[in-house]
N, C-alpha and C. Protein backbone atom coordinates (compact mmCIF):
# COMPACT_ATOMS: atom_id res chain seq x y z
N MET A 1 126.04 108.86 82.19
CA MET A 1 124.95 109.79 82.36
C MET A 1 123.86 109.00 82.88
N ARG A 2 123.88 107.47 81.48
CA ARG A 2 122.77 106.59 81.49
C ARG A 2 122.76 105.58 82.93
N ARG A 3 123.85 105.08 83.35
CA ARG A 3 124.16 104.87 84.52
C ARG A 3 123.72 105.30 85.74
N PHE A 4 123.74 106.64 85.76
CA PHE A 4 123.67 107.67 86.69
C PHE A 4 121.80 107.65 86.99
N ALA A 5 121.72 107.56 85.55
CA ALA A 5 119.48 107.91 85.97
C ALA A 5 119.01 106.16 86.11
N LEU A 6 119.89 105.49 85.77
CA LEU A 6 119.55 103.45 86.56
C LEU A 6 119.55 103.75 87.74
N ALA A 7 120.96 104.20 88.19
CA ALA A 7 121.01 104.13 89.56
C ALA A 7 120.05 104.74 90.45
N VAL A 8 119.56 105.96 90.23
CA VAL A 8 119.04 106.46 90.48
C VAL A 8 117.44 106.02 90.56
N LEU A 9 116.49 105.61 89.43
CA LEU A 9 115.76 104.57 89.29
C LEU A 9 115.64 103.92 90.47
N LEU A 10 116.86 102.81 90.31
CA LEU A 10 117.06 101.81 91.26
C LEU A 10 116.83 102.15 92.83
N VAL A 11 117.04 103.12 93.21
CA VAL A 11 117.20 103.57 94.70
C VAL A 11 115.98 104.03 94.85
N VAL A 12 115.36 104.90 93.80
CA VAL A 12 113.65 105.38 94.10
C VAL A 12 112.31 104.51 94.31
N SER A 13 113.07 103.15 93.27
CA SER A 13 111.85 102.39 93.39
C SER A 13 112.23 101.40 94.20
N SER A 14 113.21 100.85 94.81
CA SER A 14 113.26 100.37 96.33
C SER A 14 112.46 100.94 97.26
N VAL A 15 112.78 102.28 97.59
CA VAL A 15 112.20 103.06 98.58
C VAL A 15 110.67 102.99 97.96
N ALA A 16 110.38 103.30 97.32
CA ALA A 16 108.58 103.31 96.67
C ALA A 16 108.40 101.40 97.45
N LEU A 17 109.07 100.50 96.74
CA LEU A 17 108.23 99.46 97.15
C LEU A 17 108.31 99.05 98.52
N ALA A 18 109.77 99.43 99.30
CA ALA A 18 109.54 99.44 100.87
C ALA A 18 108.65 99.78 101.39
N ALA A 19 108.05 100.99 101.40
CA ALA A 19 107.24 101.74 101.98
C ALA A 19 105.48 101.67 101.41
N CYS A 20 105.63 100.59 100.93
CA CYS A 20 104.64 99.66 100.49
C CYS A 20 103.96 98.33 101.14
N SER A 21 105.59 98.23 101.78
CA SER A 21 105.19 96.85 102.53
C SER A 21 105.52 96.92 104.38
N GLN A 22 104.69 98.36 104.71
CA GLN A 22 105.52 98.44 106.04
C GLN A 22 103.60 98.92 106.40
N SER A 23 103.53 98.51 107.85
CA SER A 23 102.12 98.56 109.03
C SER A 23 102.27 99.91 109.47
N VAL A 24 100.60 99.96 109.56
CA VAL A 24 100.92 101.42 110.08
C VAL A 24 100.41 101.12 111.63
N ALA A 25 100.24 102.42 112.64
CA ALA A 25 99.63 102.27 113.95
C ALA A 25 99.61 103.71 114.31
N SER A 26 98.09 103.48 114.91
CA SER A 26 97.94 104.21 115.70
C SER A 26 97.20 104.13 116.73
N ARG A 27 97.41 105.40 117.83
CA ARG A 27 97.47 104.73 119.15
C ARG A 27 95.67 105.13 119.96
N ILE A 28 95.09 103.75 120.73
CA ILE A 28 93.95 103.83 121.12
C ILE A 28 94.00 104.76 122.59
N ASP A 29 94.81 104.38 123.82
CA ASP A 29 95.31 105.16 124.75
C ASP A 29 96.46 105.20 124.69
N GLU A 30 96.80 104.85 126.34
CA GLU A 30 98.65 105.40 126.73
C GLU A 30 98.86 103.99 126.27
N ARG A 31 98.89 102.94 126.51
CA ARG A 31 99.71 101.84 126.29
C ARG A 31 99.01 100.98 124.85
N THR A 32 97.63 101.48 124.72
CA THR A 32 97.01 100.39 123.34
C THR A 32 97.29 101.00 122.21
N PHE A 33 97.36 100.34 121.12
CA PHE A 33 97.65 100.38 119.48
C PHE A 33 97.24 99.59 118.28
N ARG A 34 96.60 100.45 117.87
CA ARG A 34 96.21 99.48 116.63
C ARG A 34 97.17 99.14 115.55
N ILE A 35 97.81 98.13 114.61
CA ILE A 35 98.35 98.13 114.04
C ILE A 35 97.41 97.76 112.69
N GLU A 36 97.63 98.04 111.45
CA GLU A 36 97.07 97.52 110.22
C GLU A 36 98.33 97.02 109.36
N GLY A 37 98.34 96.09 109.01
CA GLY A 37 99.37 95.56 108.28
C GLY A 37 99.03 95.63 106.84
N PRO A 38 99.95 95.94 106.05
CA PRO A 38 99.60 95.64 104.89
C PRO A 38 99.34 94.30 103.49
N GLU A 39 98.77 94.60 102.75
CA GLU A 39 98.02 93.35 101.74
C GLU A 39 99.45 92.55 101.96
N ILE A 40 99.49 91.54 101.88
CA ILE A 40 100.01 90.46 101.36
C ILE A 40 99.66 89.20 101.53
N PRO A 41 100.06 88.37 100.30
CA PRO A 41 99.73 86.98 99.82
C PRO A 41 100.18 85.89 100.91
N GLY A 42 99.32 85.66 101.40
CA GLY A 42 99.33 84.86 102.79
C GLY A 42 98.93 84.68 103.73
N GLY A 43 98.63 86.37 104.10
CA GLY A 43 98.62 87.30 105.16
C GLY A 43 99.39 86.67 106.16
N SER A 44 101.13 87.59 105.77
CA SER A 44 101.75 87.12 106.78
C SER A 44 101.89 88.16 108.14
N ASN A 45 102.23 88.17 108.81
CA ASN A 45 102.43 89.47 110.20
C ASN A 45 103.24 89.43 110.24
N VAL A 46 104.45 89.75 109.68
CA VAL A 46 105.55 89.81 109.93
C VAL A 46 105.97 91.68 110.17
N PRO A 47 105.49 91.92 109.32
CA PRO A 47 105.27 93.56 109.14
C PRO A 47 104.76 94.29 110.71
N ASN A 48 103.52 93.62 110.85
CA ASN A 48 102.92 93.58 112.36
C ASN A 48 104.08 93.64 113.55
N GLN A 49 104.36 92.75 113.87
CA GLN A 49 105.63 92.19 114.59
C GLN A 49 106.49 93.03 114.88
N ARG A 50 106.99 93.83 113.16
CA ARG A 50 108.35 94.66 113.41
C ARG A 50 107.56 95.99 114.31
N THR A 51 106.18 96.38 113.94
CA THR A 51 105.59 97.54 113.91
C THR A 51 105.52 97.75 115.42
N ALA A 52 105.00 96.20 116.05
CA ALA A 52 104.68 95.84 117.33
C ALA A 52 106.28 96.35 118.62
N ALA A 53 107.18 95.58 118.01
CA ALA A 53 108.57 95.89 118.58
C ALA A 53 108.63 97.16 118.64
N ARG A 54 109.20 98.16 117.77
CA ARG A 54 109.09 99.34 117.53
C ARG A 54 108.49 100.16 118.54
N MET A 55 107.40 100.15 118.90
CA MET A 55 106.16 100.78 119.59
C MET A 55 106.39 100.06 120.66
N CYS A 56 106.46 98.73 121.02
CA CYS A 56 106.62 98.29 122.88
C CYS A 56 107.95 98.06 122.88
N PRO A 57 109.14 98.48 123.08
CA PRO A 57 110.18 97.79 122.83
C PRO A 57 110.43 96.96 124.62
N ARG A 58 109.54 97.12 125.61
CA ARG A 58 109.45 95.88 126.41
C ARG A 58 109.02 95.14 126.08
N GLY A 59 108.29 94.61 125.34
CA GLY A 59 107.28 93.37 125.32
C GLY A 59 105.92 94.15 124.71
N TYR A 60 105.15 93.23 124.04
CA TYR A 60 103.72 93.79 123.76
C TYR A 60 102.90 92.47 124.13
N ARG A 61 101.45 92.41 123.78
CA ARG A 61 100.44 91.31 123.57
C ARG A 61 99.51 91.45 122.92
N VAL A 62 98.97 90.58 122.01
CA VAL A 62 97.78 90.73 121.12
C VAL A 62 96.78 90.77 121.68
N LEU A 63 96.05 91.87 121.68
CA LEU A 63 94.73 91.55 122.44
C LEU A 63 93.27 91.00 121.39
N ASP A 64 93.66 91.93 120.18
CA ASP A 64 92.81 91.32 119.18
C ASP A 64 93.58 91.13 117.64
N GLU A 65 93.30 90.18 116.84
CA GLU A 65 93.86 89.93 115.32
C GLU A 65 92.94 89.45 114.89
N SER A 66 92.63 90.15 113.42
CA SER A 66 91.75 90.03 112.37
C SER A 66 92.37 90.23 111.14
N GLN A 67 92.16 89.10 110.14
CA GLN A 67 92.44 89.33 108.77
C GLN A 67 91.09 89.63 107.52
N HIS A 68 91.66 90.14 106.88
CA HIS A 68 90.35 90.64 105.79
C HIS A 68 91.24 90.74 104.33
N ARG A 69 90.42 90.44 103.39
CA ARG A 69 91.06 90.54 102.32
C ARG A 69 90.87 92.17 101.81
N GLY A 70 91.77 92.22 101.29
CA GLY A 70 92.24 94.14 100.77
C GLY A 70 91.80 94.57 99.51
N GLU A 71 91.51 95.55 99.30
CA GLU A 71 91.08 95.90 98.32
C GLU A 71 91.24 95.57 96.87
N PHE A 72 92.39 94.99 96.57
CA PHE A 72 92.76 94.72 95.67
C PHE A 72 92.58 93.30 95.30
N GLN A 73 92.27 92.46 96.71
CA GLN A 73 92.01 91.47 96.02
C GLN A 73 93.27 90.36 95.92
N THR A 74 95.25 90.96 96.19
CA THR A 74 96.14 90.55 96.33
C THR A 74 96.78 89.53 97.25
N GLY A 75 96.00 90.10 98.45
CA GLY A 75 96.28 89.61 99.91
C GLY A 75 95.41 89.18 100.63
N PHE A 76 95.73 89.14 101.81
CA PHE A 76 95.00 89.30 103.14
C PHE A 76 95.87 90.54 104.16
N ALA A 77 95.13 91.34 104.28
CA ALA A 77 95.77 92.43 104.98
C ALA A 77 95.14 92.27 106.82
N THR A 78 96.32 92.07 107.80
CA THR A 78 96.03 91.65 109.13
C THR A 78 96.28 93.20 110.00
N VAL A 79 95.01 92.99 111.03
CA VAL A 79 94.92 94.38 111.93
C VAL A 79 95.35 93.42 113.44
N TRP A 80 95.71 94.19 114.34
CA TRP A 80 96.34 94.15 115.39
C TRP A 80 95.80 95.04 116.61
N THR A 81 95.21 94.77 117.07
CA THR A 81 95.27 95.64 118.49
C THR A 81 96.40 95.25 120.03
N ILE A 82 97.35 95.96 120.18
CA ILE A 82 98.14 95.46 121.00
C ILE A 82 98.27 95.97 122.49
N ARG A 83 98.82 95.51 123.51
CA ARG A 83 98.71 96.80 124.72
C ARG A 83 100.43 96.24 124.91
N CYS A 84 101.28 97.36 125.25
CA CYS A 84 102.29 97.60 125.89
C CYS A 84 102.47 97.00 127.14
N LEU A 85 103.39 95.98 127.31
CA LEU A 85 103.96 95.75 129.23
C LEU A 85 104.34 96.91 129.57
C-alpha cells in the first residue's frame, strides 16, 4: 500500500512540475502568436522554441523578443512574438 501511494505521489509531482516549465501561446492574428515562457534561471528560451515549433510546424520567424524578471525573482521570463512561415 505504501509503495502504491509513493508511486502515485511521484507521478502527480512530476506532472505538476512539468506543467510549470511550459510556455503559453496566444493568437494575435491568423499567423502571428505571442508566446510567454516560464520563469527560468538564466533566461533560457527552449520552452518558447518547443511551443513555436508546435504552433508553426512549417517554420516560424521571431518578430520580437523580450526578457523580464518574473514575479518571484527566481529567473527571467521570455516573451516572443512569432509569425508562421
